[in-house]
Amino acid sequence: MPVLSCLKIKTGIDALEEEKRARRLSLIDVNDPSGSTPQERIEKKQFEKSWLVAVWSRFDEKFLTPIFVEESQLQSSSSTMH
């Protein structure tokens, strides 16, 4: 989402609301049906999946891309973005 913010692309997602949602979902135990509703457990599972994708994306961008992409390709792609 920071990239979209930098590009001033509206997403319809409020960062503060998203943080509150993440905190609420982190307290839900999906293995304890008495502590949450079925909808909350489904929402938590979906949130965990999206979190994993976001973490992998940041890792890929920061560590793997520089290893597998030649520096000249990185420079040429960044110059076309400006």
Protein backbone atom coordinates (compact mmCIF):
# COMPACT_ATOMS: atom_id res chain seq x y z
CA MET A 1 0.00 0.00 0.00
CA PRO A 2 2.88 2.49 0.52
CA VAL A 3 3.65 2.34 -3.22
CA LEU A 4 0.08 3.25 -4.06
CA SER A 5 0.22 6.09 -1.55
CA CYS A 6 3.43 7.42 -3.10
CA LEU A 7 1.80 7.32 -6.50
CA LYS A 8 -1.27 9.04 -5.01
CA ILE A 9 -3.56 6.21 -6.08
CA LYS A 10 -6.66 5.98 -3.93
CA THR A 11 -7.34 2.51 -2.61
CA GLY A 12 -10.37 3.10 -0.44
CA ILE A 13 -8.51 1.57 2.50
CA ASP A 14 -7.90 3.61 5.61
CA ALA A 15 -4.51 2.66 7.11
CA LEU A 16 -5.71 3.28 10.67
CA GLU A 17 -8.79 1.11 10.18
CA GLU A 18 -6.67 -1.61 8.61
CA GLU A 19 -4.32 -1.55 11.60
CA LYS A 20 -7.26 -1.85 14.02
CA ARG A 21 -8.59 -4.77 11.98
CA ALA A 22 -5.19 -6.49 12.06
CA ARG A 23 -4.98 -6.12 15.84
CA ARG A 24 -8.49 -7.47 16.31
CA LEU A 25 -7.84 -10.44 14.06
CA SER A 26 -4.54 -11.22 15.77
CA LEU A 27 -6.46 -11.90 18.99
CA ILE A 28 -8.73 -14.52 17.39
CA ASP A 29 -7.85 -18.17 17.89
CA VAL A 30 -9.13 -20.06 14.84
CA ASN A 31 -8.93 -23.35 16.73
CA ASP A 32 -11.27 -22.15 19.50
CA PRO A 33 -14.82 -21.94 18.10
CA SER A 34 -16.23 -20.61 21.37
CA GLY A 35 -14.06 -17.48 21.22
CA SER A 36 -15.18 -16.19 17.83
CA THR A 37 -17.81 -16.42 15.14
CA PRO A 38 -17.32 -18.52 11.98
CA GLN A 39 -17.11 -15.30 9.94
CA GLU A 40 -14.31 -13.96 12.17
CA ARG A 41 -12.35 -17.20 11.79
CA ILE A 42 -12.71 -17.07 8.00
CA GLU A 43 -11.64 -13.42 7.99
CA LYS A 44 -8.57 -14.26 10.11
CA LYS A 45 -7.51 -17.05 7.74
CA GLN A 46 -7.85 -14.71 4.75
CA PHE A 47 -5.89 -12.00 6.56
CA GLU A 48 -3.08 -14.44 7.40
CA LYS A 49 -2.84 -15.49 3.76
CA SER A 50 -2.64 -11.89 2.55
CA TRP A 51 -0.06 -11.10 5.23
CA LEU A 52 2.11 -13.97 4.02
CA VAL A 53 1.91 -12.71 0.43
CA ALA A 54 2.88 -9.20 1.55
CA VAL A 55 5.88 -10.47 3.54
CA TRP A 56 7.04 -12.63 0.63
CA SER A 57 6.66 -9.71 -1.77
CA ARG A 58 8.82 -7.43 0.39
CA PHE A 59 11.44 -10.18 0.80
CA ASP A 60 11.49 -10.83 -2.94
CA GLU A 61 11.81 -7.16 -3.78
CA LYS A 62 14.52 -6.48 -1.23
CA PHE A 63 16.70 -9.59 -1.47
CA LEU A 64 15.92 -11.83 -4.42
CA THR A 65 15.41 -9.30 -7.19
CA PRO A 66 18.89 -7.77 -6.78
CA ILE A 67 20.43 -11.24 -6.92
CA PHE A 68 18.64 -12.43 -10.05
CA VAL A 69 18.32 -9.22 -12.04
CA GLU A 70 21.34 -7.55 -13.52
CA GLU A 71 22.03 -4.02 -12.37
CA SER A 72 21.69 -2.65 -15.90
CA GLN A 73 18.13 -4.02 -16.12
CA LEU A 74 17.22 -2.41 -12.81
CA GLN A 75 18.58 0.95 -13.93
CA SER A 76 16.83 0.87 -17.29
CA SER A 77 13.48 -0.05 -15.74
CA SER A 78 13.77 2.68 -13.11
CA SER A 79 14.61 5.29 -15.72
CA THR A 80 11.50 4.42 -17.73
CA MET A 81 9.32 4.89 -14.64
CA HIS A 82 10.34 8.53 -14.23
